Amino acid sequence: MRVARVATDRHSFGGGGRVAVRRLIYFVLACAPLPIGVGCGAGVETQRHPDKVFGKREADLREYIRRINAGEVYHEDKRGYTVPQFLIDAGATVVKKQDDGCIVIFFDFLPTDAVPELWYSERGFDPLPAGLQARKRRPFFHWQPLAPDWGYCKWDQ
């Protein structure tokens, strides 16, 4: 008898009453963040580190740049070059070649973060290429040389 009474009791979710509504609200508030967190990328790194990608995959990056310069990588005018899987895994979204020959790898970021970029310049960075000069005029600009022909840039509005 007690089991049947509990199912229709006002304290259960389906029984109605203020207590049932309150419990339902607590249940939703307690459990809703779980699927939202999982669905929105819980465990996904939101701060990308192109400098660490360079440190770990320098040989792969150099080979990728060699292939771009040799014309072996597919290119679309608006979208840039095809991004290899190891860069996609690191958060790279777009690879473009600047007018001055620099190749820029853009990484994903949140609107509140600075824009992370990995730069390659065959002639080096002294003086800075035009694209970096333009970014340097932004309110926030950080430049970190990684090698004579590679560098890491972060900038923000």
C-alpha atoms as a PDB file:
ATOM      1  CA  MET A   1       0.000   0.000   0.000  1.00  0.00           C
ATOM      2  CA  ARG A   2       2.742   2.394   0.860  1.00  0.00           C
ATOM      3  CA  VAL A   3       4.356   2.073  -2.596  1.00  0.00           C
ATOM      4  CA  ALA A   4       1.128   3.029  -4.354  1.00  0.00           C
ATOM      5  CA  ARG A   5       0.677   5.921  -1.948  1.00  0.00           C
ATOM      6  CA  VAL A   6       4.193   7.256  -2.579  1.00  0.00           C
ATOM      7  CA  ALA A   7       3.606   7.335  -6.342  1.00  0.00           C
ATOM      8  CA  THR A   8       0.574   9.580  -5.906  1.00  0.00           C
ATOM      9  CA  ASP A   9       1.897  11.477  -2.915  1.00  0.00           C
ATOM     10  CA  ARG A  10       2.278  15.222  -3.327  1.00  0.00           C
ATOM     11  CA  HIS A  11       5.963  14.899  -2.471  1.00  0.00           C
ATOM     12  CA  SER A  12       6.760  12.903  -5.610  1.00  0.00           C
ATOM     13  CA  PHE A  13       7.455  14.548  -8.968  1.00  0.00           C
ATOM     14  CA  GLY A  14       4.122  13.563 -10.462  1.00  0.00           C
ATOM     15  CA  GLY A  15       1.980  14.228  -7.383  1.00  0.00           C
ATOM     16  CA  GLY A  16       1.658  17.998  -7.758  1.00  0.00           C
ATOM     17  CA  GLY A  17       1.955  20.634  -5.066  1.00  0.00           C
ATOM     18  CA  ARG A  18       4.661  23.103  -4.161  1.00  0.00           C
ATOM     19  CA  VAL A  19       7.041  20.492  -2.824  1.00  0.00           C
ATOM     20  CA  ALA A  20       6.897  18.520  -6.080  1.00  0.00           C
ATOM     21  CA  VAL A  21       7.570  21.640  -8.138  1.00  0.00           C
ATOM     22  CA  ARG A  22      10.425  22.607  -5.858  1.00  0.00           C
ATOM     23  CA  ARG A  23      11.955  19.125  -6.139  1.00  0.00           C
ATOM     24  CA  LEU A  24      11.583  19.202  -9.892  1.00  0.00           C
ATOM     25  CA  ILE A  25      13.350  22.558 -10.043  1.00  0.00           C
ATOM     26  CA  TYR A  26      16.176  21.256  -7.827  1.00  0.00           C
ATOM     27  CA  PHE A  27      16.468  18.159  -9.987  1.00  0.00           C
ATOM     28  CA  VAL A  28      16.647  20.198 -13.209  1.00  0.00           C
ATOM     29  CA  LEU A  29      19.152  22.641 -11.742  1.00  0.00           C
ATOM     30  CA  ALA A  30      21.316  19.824 -10.420  1.00  0.00           C
ATOM     31  CA  CYS A  31      21.259  17.687 -13.566  1.00  0.00           C
ATOM     32  CA  ALA A  32      21.014  20.233 -16.385  1.00  0.00           C
ATOM     33  CA  PRO A  33      24.648  21.363 -16.233  1.00  0.00           C
ATOM     34  CA  LEU A  34      25.851  17.804 -16.856  1.00  0.00           C
ATOM     35  CA  PRO A  35      24.617  17.412 -20.453  1.00  0.00           C
ATOM     36  CA  ILE A  36      25.216  21.080 -21.194  1.00  0.00           C
ATOM     37  CA  GLY A  37      28.816  20.818 -20.013  1.00  0.00           C
ATOM     38  CA  VAL A  38      29.398  17.625 -21.952  1.00  0.00           C
ATOM     39  CA  GLY A  39      27.635  18.951 -25.048  1.00  0.00           C
ATOM     40  CA  CYS A  40      29.460  22.268 -25.015  1.00  0.00           C
ATOM     41  CA  GLY A  41      32.927  20.796 -24.911  1.00  0.00           C
ATOM     42  CA  ALA A  42      33.736  20.079 -21.298  1.00  0.00           C
ATOM     43  CA  GLY A  43      37.325  18.958 -21.262  1.00  0.00           C
ATOM     44  CA  VAL A  44      38.102  20.800 -24.494  1.00  0.00           C
ATOM     45  CA  GLU A  45      40.972  23.219 -24.162  1.00  0.00           C
ATOM     46  CA  THR A  46      39.760  26.741 -24.919  1.00  0.00           C
ATOM     47  CA  GLN A  47      43.131  28.437 -24.633  1.00  0.00           C
ATOM     48  CA  ARG A  48      45.169  27.263 -27.615  1.00  0.00           C
ATOM     49  CA  HIS A  49      48.947  27.348 -27.537  1.00  0.00           C
ATOM     50  CA  PRO A  50      50.413  27.571 -31.044  1.00  0.00           C
ATOM     51  CA  ASP A  51      53.869  27.954 -29.530  1.00  0.00           C
ATOM     52  CA  LYS A  52      53.537  24.495 -27.945  1.00  0.00           C
ATOM     53  CA  VAL A  53      52.266  23.061 -31.239  1.00  0.00           C
ATOM     54  CA  PHE A  54      55.434  24.411 -32.875  1.00  0.00           C
ATOM     55  CA  GLY A  55      57.599  22.865 -30.165  1.00  0.00           C
ATOM     56  CA  LYS A  56      55.980  19.442 -30.499  1.00  0.00           C
ATOM     57  CA  ARG A  57      55.383  19.326 -34.278  1.00  0.00           C
ATOM     58  CA  GLU A  58      58.073  21.561 -35.793  1.00  0.00           C
ATOM     59  CA  ALA A  59      59.133  18.951 -38.371  1.00  0.00           C
ATOM     60  CA  ASP A  60      55.504  18.449 -39.485  1.00  0.00           C
ATOM     61  CA  LEU A  61      54.969  22.214 -39.713  1.00  0.00           C
ATOM     62  CA  ARG A  62      58.098  22.675 -41.806  1.00  0.00           C
ATOM     63  CA  GLU A  63      57.023  19.882 -44.157  1.00  0.00           C
ATOM     64  CA  TYR A  64      53.545  21.428 -44.453  1.00  0.00           C
ATOM     65  CA  ILE A  65      55.049  24.825 -45.347  1.00  0.00           C
ATOM     66  CA  ARG A  66      57.360  23.165 -47.884  1.00  0.00           C
ATOM     67  CA  ARG A  67      54.324  21.523 -49.499  1.00  0.00           C
ATOM     68  CA  ILE A  68      52.419  24.848 -49.570  1.00  0.00           C
ATOM     69  CA  ASN A  69      55.350  26.615 -51.246  1.00  0.00           C
ATOM     70  CA  ALA A  70      55.695  23.748 -53.743  1.00  0.00           C
ATOM     71  CA  GLY A  71      52.007  24.074 -54.661  1.00  0.00           C
ATOM     72  CA  GLU A  72      51.135  20.617 -53.330  1.00  0.00           C
ATOM     73  CA  VAL A  73      48.440  21.761 -50.869  1.00  0.00           C
ATOM     74  CA  TYR A  74      44.928  22.504 -52.121  1.00  0.00           C
ATOM     75  CA  HIS A  75      44.036  26.201 -51.914  1.00  0.00           C
ATOM     76  CA  GLU A  76      40.793  28.191 -52.200  1.00  0.00           C
ATOM     77  CA  ASP A  77      40.927  31.963 -52.501  1.00  0.00           C
ATOM     78  CA  LYS A  78      38.422  32.670 -49.724  1.00  0.00           C
ATOM     79  CA  ARG A  79      39.127  29.741 -47.401  1.00  0.00           C
ATOM     80  CA  GLY A  80      42.893  29.408 -47.629  1.00  0.00           C
ATOM     81  CA  TYR A  81      44.851  26.161 -47.634  1.00  0.00           C
ATOM     82  CA  THR A  82      43.676  22.729 -46.569  1.00  0.00           C
ATOM     83  CA  VAL A  83      44.506  22.316 -42.875  1.00  0.00           C
ATOM     84  CA  PRO A  84      46.241  19.023 -41.956  1.00  0.00           C
ATOM     85  CA  GLN A  85      44.738  16.895 -39.198  1.00  0.00           C
ATOM     86  CA  PHE A  86      47.535  17.507 -36.673  1.00  0.00           C
ATOM     87  CA  LEU A  87      46.800  21.249 -36.878  1.00  0.00           C
ATOM     88  CA  ILE A  88      43.039  20.713 -36.698  1.00  0.00           C
ATOM     89  CA  ASP A  89      43.608  18.670 -33.543  1.00  0.00           C
ATOM     90  CA  ALA A  90      45.598  21.605 -32.141  1.00  0.00           C
ATOM     91  CA  GLY A  91      42.762  24.039 -32.892  1.00  0.00           C
ATOM     92  CA  ALA A  92      43.910  25.517 -36.206  1.00  0.00           C
ATOM     93  CA  THR A  93      41.031  26.708 -38.373  1.00  0.00           C
ATOM     94  CA  VAL A  94      42.506  28.582 -41.342  1.00  0.00           C
ATOM     95  CA  VAL A  95      45.872  28.779 -43.109  1.00  0.00           C
ATOM     96  CA  LYS A  96      46.505  31.712 -45.450  1.00  0.00           C
ATOM     97  CA  LYS A  97      49.427  33.153 -47.354  1.00  0.00           C
ATOM     98  CA  GLN A  98      49.912  36.916 -47.058  1.00  0.00           C
ATOM     99  CA  ASP A  99      50.871  39.172 -49.977  1.00  0.00           C
ATOM    100  CA  ASP A 100      54.442  39.348 -48.679  1.00  0.00           C
ATOM    101  CA  GLY A 101      54.772  35.541 -48.681  1.00  0.00           C
ATOM    102  CA  CYS A 102      54.220  34.986 -44.953  1.00  0.00           C
ATOM    103  CA  ILE A 103      52.059  32.013 -44.073  1.00  0.00           C
ATOM    104  CA  VAL A 104      49.706  32.505 -41.128  1.00  0.00           C
ATOM    105  CA  ILE A 105      47.992  29.689 -39.245  1.00  0.00           C
ATOM    106  CA  PHE A 106      44.919  30.945 -37.387  1.00  0.00           C
ATOM    107  CA  PHE A 107      43.722  29.086 -34.298  1.00  0.00           C
ATOM    108  CA  ASP A 108      40.251  29.032 -32.772  1.00  0.00           C
ATOM    109  CA  PHE A 109      39.541  31.298 -29.828  1.00  0.00           C
ATOM    110  CA  LEU A 110      36.718  32.556 -27.665  1.00  0.00           C
ATOM    111  CA  PRO A 111      35.460  36.124 -28.101  1.00  0.00           C
ATOM    112  CA  THR A 112      37.034  37.046 -24.775  1.00  0.00           C
ATOM    113  CA  ASP A 113      40.466  35.688 -25.789  1.00  0.00           C
ATOM    114  CA  ALA A 114      43.245  37.210 -27.834  1.00  0.00           C
ATOM    115  CA  VAL A 115      43.530  35.900 -31.402  1.00  0.00           C
ATOM    116  CA  PRO A 116      46.321  33.264 -31.544  1.00  0.00           C
ATOM    117  CA  GLU A 117      48.346  32.932 -34.758  1.00  0.00           C
ATOM    118  CA  LEU A 118      51.422  31.027 -35.832  1.00  0.00           C
ATOM    119  CA  TRP A 119      53.507  32.870 -38.443  1.00  0.00           C
ATOM    120  CA  TYR A 120      56.070  31.623 -40.946  1.00  0.00           C
ATOM    121  CA  SER A 121      58.294  34.016 -42.884  1.00  0.00           C
ATOM    122  CA  GLU A 122      61.051  32.696 -45.113  1.00  0.00           C
ATOM    123  CA  ARG A 123      62.961  35.990 -44.795  1.00  0.00           C
ATOM    124  CA  GLY A 124      62.557  36.211 -41.006  1.00  0.00           C
ATOM    125  CA  PHE A 125      60.918  38.877 -38.885  1.00  0.00           C
ATOM    126  CA  ASP A 126      63.382  41.761 -38.852  1.00  0.00           C
ATOM    127  CA  PRO A 127      61.680  44.003 -39.729  1.00  0.00           C
ATOM    128  CA  LEU A 128      58.206  42.680 -38.936  1.00  0.00           C
ATOM    129  CA  PRO A 129      56.105  41.887 -42.021  1.00  0.00           C
ATOM    130  CA  ALA A 130      53.244  44.263 -42.898  1.00  0.00           C
ATOM    131  CA  GLY A 131      50.575  41.986 -41.420  1.00  0.00           C
ATOM    132  CA  LEU A 132      52.324  41.920 -38.063  1.00  0.00           C
ATOM    133  CA  GLN A 133      52.938  45.677 -38.194  1.00  0.00           C
ATOM    134  CA  ALA A 134      49.169  46.177 -38.555  1.00  0.00           C
ATOM    135  CA  ARG A 135      48.470  43.862 -35.603  1.00  0.00           C
ATOM    136  CA  LYS A 136      51.109  45.638 -33.518  1.00  0.00           C
ATOM    137  CA  ARG A 137      48.956  48.800 -33.632  1.00  0.00           C
ATOM    138  CA  ARG A 138      46.136  46.975 -31.777  1.00  0.00           C
ATOM    139  CA  PRO A 139      45.558  47.707 -28.079  1.00  0.00           C
ATOM    140  CA  PHE A 140      46.940  44.267 -27.192  1.00  0.00           C
ATOM    141  CA  PHE A 141      49.807  42.695 -29.132  1.00  0.00           C
ATOM    142  CA  HIS A 142      52.206  39.961 -28.077  1.00  0.00           C
ATOM    143  CA  TRP A 143      54.972  38.599 -30.313  1.00  0.00           C
ATOM    144  CA  GLN A 144      57.145  35.630 -29.443  1.00  0.00           C
ATOM    145  CA  PRO A 145      59.849  34.427 -31.867  1.00  0.00           C
ATOM    146  CA  LEU A 146      60.028  30.639 -31.955  1.00  0.00           C
ATOM    147  CA  ALA A 147      62.777  30.262 -34.573  1.00  0.00           C
ATOM    148  CA  PRO A 148      64.386  32.662 -37.062  1.00  0.00           C
ATOM    149  CA  ASP A 149      61.551  31.950 -39.526  1.00  0.00           C
ATOM    150  CA  TRP A 150      58.675  31.144 -37.120  1.00  0.00           C
ATOM    151  CA  GLY A 151      56.806  33.190 -34.530  1.00  0.00           C
ATOM    152  CA  TYR A 152      53.736  33.227 -32.333  1.00  0.00           C
ATOM    153  CA  CYS A 153      51.433  36.220 -32.282  1.00  0.00           C
ATOM    154  CA  LYS A 154      48.480  37.096 -30.038  1.00  0.00           C
ATOM    155  CA  TRP A 155      46.477  40.247 -30.607  1.00  0.00           C
ATOM    156  CA  ASP A 156      43.144  41.706 -29.543  1.00  0.00           C
ATOM    157  CA  GLN A 157      40.978  44.699 -30.263  1.00  0.00           C
END
